[in-house]
Amino acid sequence: MTLSTLCITLGLGVAIPQLYGLANPGAFRDALRKFPRQTGAGYVLMAIATGWFLWHVKQENIADFSAFKPIMYAGFGLLGLGTCIFLKDFLAVRGLALVLLLLAKLVLDAQRWEVSDWRWVLGVWAYLWIIAGIWFTVSPWRCRDLIEWKTATDTRVKIGCALRLALGVLVAGLGATVFR
């Protein structure tokens, strides 16, 4: 995937839901507040994260690990499945944390060789995902608390949506212009 395509996809993926949040902050708040305990979303996010991680293991060409790859596939696959079975509390947050970490790897790998200084927008964003991913993995209830704080009033919801919309438009714009 090219950096341009990645930026446009990420930018629009972030920006589009914010339009709904600006238009209907009450429903947006309710949906966000339900997210941390949604097991359905957790299953989907954990499946995405597990599959994506197994794909990374498959792509790894270090000879020292080649003999252990079948064991690693089974172990990591069972770990993803076991998480869905035994750690249902805040499963969506745990799945989101893993997806954020993997997404950060994708973004950092894609922007690594870009010569423009605008690549630092993506780099900083990716490192914020890494921090959030680690933080939410260690203490997933913090995500719930953060969502509660960010959605305490309609004004906070609208300000947050406006800021995320601006970031999404900026990143999509960079993908459409600077990173072409």
C-alpha atoms as a PDB file:
ATOM      1  CA  MET A   1       0.000   0.000   0.000  1.00  0.00           C
ATOM      2  CA  THR A   2       1.371   3.397  -0.933  1.00  0.00           C
ATOM      3  CA  LEU A   3       1.671   6.177   1.614  1.00  0.00           C
ATOM      4  CA  SER A   4      -0.818   8.236  -0.381  1.00  0.00           C
ATOM      5  CA  THR A   5      -3.473   5.517  -0.337  1.00  0.00           C
ATOM      6  CA  LEU A   6      -2.856   4.833   3.336  1.00  0.00           C
ATOM      7  CA  CYS A   7      -3.229   8.519   4.232  1.00  0.00           C
ATOM      8  CA  ILE A   8      -6.418   8.948   2.255  1.00  0.00           C
ATOM      9  CA  THR A   9      -7.905   5.783   3.767  1.00  0.00           C
ATOM     10  CA  LEU A  10      -6.926   6.712   7.333  1.00  0.00           C
ATOM     11  CA  GLY A  11      -7.980  10.327   6.925  1.00  0.00           C
ATOM     12  CA  LEU A  12     -11.407   9.489   5.572  1.00  0.00           C
ATOM     13  CA  GLY A  13     -11.784   6.643   8.061  1.00  0.00           C
ATOM     14  CA  VAL A  14     -11.288   9.111  10.896  1.00  0.00           C
ATOM     15  CA  ALA A  15     -13.155  12.062   9.368  1.00  0.00           C
ATOM     16  CA  ILE A  16     -16.410  10.451   8.227  1.00  0.00           C
ATOM     17  CA  PRO A  17     -17.664   9.254  11.654  1.00  0.00           C
ATOM     18  CA  GLN A  18     -16.972  12.715  13.071  1.00  0.00           C
ATOM     19  CA  LEU A  19     -19.566  14.218  10.744  1.00  0.00           C
ATOM     20  CA  TYR A  20     -22.171  12.037  12.448  1.00  0.00           C
ATOM     21  CA  GLY A  21     -20.844  13.134  15.848  1.00  0.00           C
ATOM     22  CA  LEU A  22     -21.169  16.790  14.919  1.00  0.00           C
ATOM     23  CA  ALA A  23     -24.683  16.301  13.558  1.00  0.00           C
ATOM     24  CA  ASN A  24     -25.961  14.071  16.361  1.00  0.00           C
ATOM     25  CA  PRO A  25     -23.761  14.355  19.480  1.00  0.00           C
ATOM     26  CA  GLY A  26     -26.213  12.533  21.769  1.00  0.00           C
ATOM     27  CA  ALA A  27     -26.363   9.359  19.692  1.00  0.00           C
ATOM     28  CA  PHE A  28     -22.620   9.540  19.038  1.00  0.00           C
ATOM     29  CA  ARG A  29     -21.986   9.790  22.793  1.00  0.00           C
ATOM     30  CA  ASP A  30     -24.246   6.814  23.501  1.00  0.00           C
ATOM     31  CA  ALA A  31     -22.485   4.689  20.888  1.00  0.00           C
ATOM     32  CA  LEU A  32     -19.038   5.605  22.194  1.00  0.00           C
ATOM     33  CA  ARG A  33     -19.982   4.896  25.797  1.00  0.00           C
ATOM     34  CA  LYS A  34     -21.207   1.406  24.878  1.00  0.00           C
ATOM     35  CA  PHE A  35     -18.014   0.529  22.982  1.00  0.00           C
ATOM     36  CA  PRO A  36     -15.680  -0.620  25.826  1.00  0.00           C
ATOM     37  CA  ARG A  37     -17.992  -3.464  26.883  1.00  0.00           C
ATOM     38  CA  GLN A  38     -19.222  -4.564  23.446  1.00  0.00           C
ATOM     39  CA  THR A  39     -18.195  -8.175  23.026  1.00  0.00           C
ATOM     40  CA  GLY A  40     -19.245  -8.279  19.365  1.00  0.00           C
ATOM     41  CA  ALA A  41     -16.904  -5.439  18.461  1.00  0.00           C
ATOM     42  CA  GLY A  42     -14.277  -7.086  20.645  1.00  0.00           C
ATOM     43  CA  TYR A  43     -14.529 -10.367  18.732  1.00  0.00           C
ATOM     44  CA  VAL A  44     -14.154  -8.534  15.415  1.00  0.00           C
ATOM     45  CA  LEU A  45     -11.210  -6.425  16.586  1.00  0.00           C
ATOM     46  CA  MET A  46      -9.455  -9.420  18.175  1.00  0.00           C
ATOM     47  CA  ALA A  47      -9.953 -11.473  15.004  1.00  0.00           C
ATOM     48  CA  ILE A  48      -8.495  -8.644  12.909  1.00  0.00           C
ATOM     49  CA  ALA A  49      -5.558  -8.210  15.290  1.00  0.00           C
ATOM     50  CA  THR A  50      -4.843 -11.933  15.544  1.00  0.00           C
ATOM     51  CA  GLY A  51      -5.019 -12.462  11.789  1.00  0.00           C
ATOM     52  CA  TRP A  52      -2.899  -9.395  11.094  1.00  0.00           C
ATOM     53  CA  PHE A  53      -0.286 -10.450  13.641  1.00  0.00           C
ATOM     54  CA  LEU A  54      -0.161 -13.994  12.240  1.00  0.00           C
ATOM     55  CA  TRP A  55       0.355 -12.494   8.792  1.00  0.00           C
ATOM     56  CA  HIS A  56       3.336 -10.532  10.188  1.00  0.00           C
ATOM     57  CA  VAL A  57       4.749 -13.733  11.691  1.00  0.00           C
ATOM     58  CA  LYS A  58       4.380 -15.424   8.293  1.00  0.00           C
ATOM     59  CA  GLN A  59       6.214 -12.561   6.550  1.00  0.00           C
ATOM     60  CA  GLU A  60       9.155 -12.697   8.982  1.00  0.00           C
ATOM     61  CA  ASN A  61      12.215 -14.234   7.295  1.00  0.00           C
ATOM     62  CA  ILE A  62      14.601 -14.600  10.221  1.00  0.00           C
ATOM     63  CA  ALA A  63      16.109 -18.064   9.883  1.00  0.00           C
ATOM     64  CA  ASP A  64      16.402 -18.490  13.648  1.00  0.00           C
ATOM     65  CA  PHE A  65      12.611 -18.591  13.919  1.00  0.00           C
ATOM     66  CA  SER A  66      11.796 -20.713  10.872  1.00  0.00           C
ATOM     67  CA  ALA A  67      11.713 -23.979  12.803  1.00  0.00           C
ATOM     68  CA  PHE A  68       9.381 -22.481  15.389  1.00  0.00           C
ATOM     69  CA  LYS A  69       6.896 -20.848  13.008  1.00  0.00           C
ATOM     70  CA  PRO A  70       4.282 -23.633  13.205  1.00  0.00           C
ATOM     71  CA  ILE A  71       4.409 -23.494  16.990  1.00  0.00           C
ATOM     72  CA  MET A  72       4.205 -19.693  16.898  1.00  0.00           C
ATOM     73  CA  TYR A  73       1.181 -19.791  14.560  1.00  0.00           C
ATOM     74  CA  ALA A  74      -0.631 -22.178  16.859  1.00  0.00           C
ATOM     75  CA  GLY A  75       0.393 -20.353  20.026  1.00  0.00           C
ATOM     76  CA  PHE A  76      -0.552 -16.872  18.829  1.00  0.00           C
ATOM     77  CA  GLY A  77      -3.767 -18.131  17.246  1.00  0.00           C
ATOM     78  CA  LEU A  78      -4.747 -19.843  20.493  1.00  0.00           C
ATOM     79  CA  LEU A  79      -3.797 -16.716  22.420  1.00  0.00           C
ATOM     80  CA  GLY A  80      -6.176 -14.638  20.291  1.00  0.00           C
ATOM     81  CA  LEU A  81      -8.935 -17.220  20.706  1.00  0.00           C
ATOM     82  CA  GLY A  82      -8.265 -17.589  24.426  1.00  0.00           C
ATOM     83  CA  THR A  83      -8.492 -13.842  24.888  1.00  0.00           C
ATOM     84  CA  CYS A  84     -11.962 -13.894  23.325  1.00  0.00           C
ATOM     85  CA  ILE A  85     -13.039 -16.738  25.619  1.00  0.00           C
ATOM     86  CA  PHE A  86     -11.428 -15.840  28.936  1.00  0.00           C
ATOM     87  CA  LEU A  87     -11.012 -12.038  28.833  1.00  0.00           C
ATOM     88  CA  LYS A  88     -14.417 -10.806  27.734  1.00  0.00           C
ATOM     89  CA  ASP A  89     -14.276  -7.855  30.113  1.00  0.00           C
ATOM     90  CA  PHE A  90     -13.240  -4.824  28.016  1.00  0.00           C
ATOM     91  CA  LEU A  91     -12.569  -7.117  25.058  1.00  0.00           C
ATOM     92  CA  ALA A  92     -13.331  -4.319  22.579  1.00  0.00           C
ATOM     93  CA  VAL A  93     -10.746  -2.060  24.218  1.00  0.00           C
ATOM     94  CA  ARG A  94      -8.133  -4.825  24.205  1.00  0.00           C
ATOM     95  CA  GLY A  95      -8.836  -5.541  20.536  1.00  0.00           C
ATOM     96  CA  LEU A  96      -8.675  -1.833  19.714  1.00  0.00           C
ATOM     97  CA  ALA A  97      -5.335  -1.557  21.523  1.00  0.00           C
ATOM     98  CA  LEU A  98      -3.859  -4.373  19.437  1.00  0.00           C
ATOM     99  CA  VAL A  99      -5.211  -2.948  16.191  1.00  0.00           C
ATOM    100  CA  LEU A 100      -3.763   0.470  17.095  1.00  0.00           C
ATOM    101  CA  LEU A 101      -0.339  -1.082  17.670  1.00  0.00           C
ATOM    102  CA  LEU A 102      -0.440  -2.929  14.357  1.00  0.00           C
ATOM    103  CA  LEU A 103      -1.767   0.135  12.539  1.00  0.00           C
ATOM    104  CA  ALA A 104       1.080   2.197  13.998  1.00  0.00           C
ATOM    105  CA  LYS A 105       3.577  -0.306  12.582  1.00  0.00           C
ATOM    106  CA  LEU A 106       1.953  -0.024   9.164  1.00  0.00           C
ATOM    107  CA  VAL A 107       2.016   3.778   9.227  1.00  0.00           C
ATOM    108  CA  LEU A 108       5.596   4.023  10.491  1.00  0.00           C
ATOM    109  CA  ASP A 109       6.810   1.544   7.880  1.00  0.00           C
ATOM    110  CA  ALA A 110       5.001   3.433   5.114  1.00  0.00           C
ATOM    111  CA  GLN A 111       6.220   6.916   6.081  1.00  0.00           C
ATOM    112  CA  ARG A 112       9.797   5.902   6.858  1.00  0.00           C
ATOM    113  CA  TRP A 113      11.335   6.816   3.505  1.00  0.00           C
ATOM    114  CA  GLU A 114       9.200   9.854   2.701  1.00  0.00           C
ATOM    115  CA  VAL A 115      11.382  12.944   2.270  1.00  0.00           C
ATOM    116  CA  SER A 116       8.735  15.535   3.123  1.00  0.00           C
ATOM    117  CA  ASP A 117       8.670  16.912   6.657  1.00  0.00           C
ATOM    118  CA  TRP A 118       4.883  16.362   6.605  1.00  0.00           C
ATOM    119  CA  ARG A 119       5.612  12.707   7.328  1.00  0.00           C
ATOM    120  CA  TRP A 120       6.062  13.719  10.969  1.00  0.00           C
ATOM    121  CA  VAL A 121       2.308  14.281  11.212  1.00  0.00           C
ATOM    122  CA  LEU A 122       1.888  10.562  10.578  1.00  0.00           C
ATOM    123  CA  GLY A 123       4.818   9.611  12.778  1.00  0.00           C
ATOM    124  CA  VAL A 124       3.521  11.533  15.784  1.00  0.00           C
ATOM    125  CA  TRP A 125       0.012  10.162  15.226  1.00  0.00           C
ATOM    126  CA  ALA A 126       1.395   6.610  15.070  1.00  0.00           C
ATOM    127  CA  TYR A 127       3.385   7.068  18.277  1.00  0.00           C
ATOM    128  CA  LEU A 128       0.266   8.374  20.001  1.00  0.00           C
ATOM    129  CA  TRP A 129      -1.452   5.137  18.885  1.00  0.00           C
ATOM    130  CA  ILE A 130       1.429   3.157  20.369  1.00  0.00           C
ATOM    131  CA  ILE A 131       1.113   4.970  23.688  1.00  0.00           C
ATOM    132  CA  ALA A 132      -2.671   4.477  23.674  1.00  0.00           C
ATOM    133  CA  GLY A 133      -2.304   0.824  22.682  1.00  0.00           C
ATOM    134  CA  ILE A 134       0.093   0.100  25.518  1.00  0.00           C
ATOM    135  CA  TRP A 135      -1.925   2.122  28.018  1.00  0.00           C
ATOM    136  CA  PHE A 136      -5.248   0.493  27.085  1.00  0.00           C
ATOM    137  CA  THR A 137      -3.683  -2.988  27.101  1.00  0.00           C
ATOM    138  CA  VAL A 138      -2.368  -2.520  30.619  1.00  0.00           C
ATOM    139  CA  SER A 139      -5.471  -0.771  31.982  1.00  0.00           C
ATOM    140  CA  PRO A 140      -8.449  -1.063  29.603  1.00  0.00           C
ATOM    141  CA  TRP A 141     -10.834   0.681  31.996  1.00  0.00           C
ATOM    142  CA  ARG A 142      -8.887   3.884  31.282  1.00  0.00           C
ATOM    143  CA  CYS A 143     -10.402   3.880  27.799  1.00  0.00           C
ATOM    144  CA  ARG A 144     -13.862   3.798  29.338  1.00  0.00           C
ATOM    145  CA  ASP A 145     -12.928   6.623  31.695  1.00  0.00           C
ATOM    146  CA  LEU A 146     -11.465   8.670  28.834  1.00  0.00           C
ATOM    147  CA  ILE A 147     -14.599   8.165  26.757  1.00  0.00           C
ATOM    148  CA  GLU A 148     -16.750   9.190  29.725  1.00  0.00           C
ATOM    149  CA  TRP A 149     -14.737  12.372  30.156  1.00  0.00           C
ATOM    150  CA  LYS A 150     -14.660  13.225  26.435  1.00  0.00           C
ATOM    151  CA  THR A 151     -18.407  12.740  26.127  1.00  0.00           C
ATOM    152  CA  ALA A 152     -19.555  14.384  29.366  1.00  0.00           C
ATOM    153  CA  THR A 153     -21.296  17.225  27.505  1.00  0.00           C
ATOM    154  CA  ASP A 154     -22.455  17.887  23.962  1.00  0.00           C
ATOM    155  CA  THR A 155     -19.861  20.649  23.744  1.00  0.00           C
ATOM    156  CA  ARG A 156     -17.023  18.216  24.484  1.00  0.00           C
ATOM    157  CA  VAL A 157     -18.391  15.769  21.931  1.00  0.00           C
ATOM    158  CA  LYS A 158     -18.563  18.484  19.273  1.00  0.00           C
ATOM    159  CA  ILE A 159     -15.088  19.838  20.049  1.00  0.00           C
ATOM    160  CA  GLY A 160     -13.596  16.338  19.955  1.00  0.00           C
ATOM    161  CA  CYS A 161     -15.373  15.540  16.704  1.00  0.00           C
ATOM    162  CA  ALA A 162     -14.253  18.829  15.158  1.00  0.00           C
ATOM    163  CA  LEU A 163     -10.619  18.185  16.116  1.00  0.00           C
ATOM    164  CA  ARG A 164     -10.685  14.616  14.792  1.00  0.00           C
ATOM    165  CA  LEU A 165     -12.432  15.807  11.624  1.00  0.00           C
ATOM    166  CA  ALA A 166      -9.683  18.398  11.096  1.00  0.00           C
ATOM    167  CA  LEU A 167      -6.987  15.752  11.622  1.00  0.00           C
ATOM    168  CA  GLY A 168      -8.713  13.347   9.239  1.00  0.00           C
ATOM    169  CA  VAL A 169      -9.071  16.015   6.552  1.00  0.00           C
ATOM    170  CA  LEU A 170      -5.422  17.035   7.035  1.00  0.00           C
ATOM    171  CA  VAL A 171      -4.148  13.464   6.677  1.00  0.00           C
ATOM    172  CA  ALA A 172      -6.388  12.748   3.674  1.00  0.00           C
ATOM    173  CA  GLY A 173      -5.279  16.032   2.120  1.00  0.00           C
ATOM    174  CA  LEU A 174      -1.632  15.111   2.649  1.00  0.00           C
ATOM    175  CA  GLY A 175      -2.286  11.780   0.968  1.00  0.00           C
ATOM    176  CA  ALA A 176      -3.976  13.470  -1.985  1.00  0.00           C
ATOM    177  CA  THR A 177      -1.338  16.164  -2.461  1.00  0.00           C
ATOM    178  CA  VAL A 178       2.041  15.919  -0.698  1.00  0.00           C
ATOM    179  CA  PHE A 179       2.487  12.139  -0.679  1.00  0.00           C
ATOM    180  CA  ARG A 180       1.392  11.536  -4.309  1.00  0.00           C
END
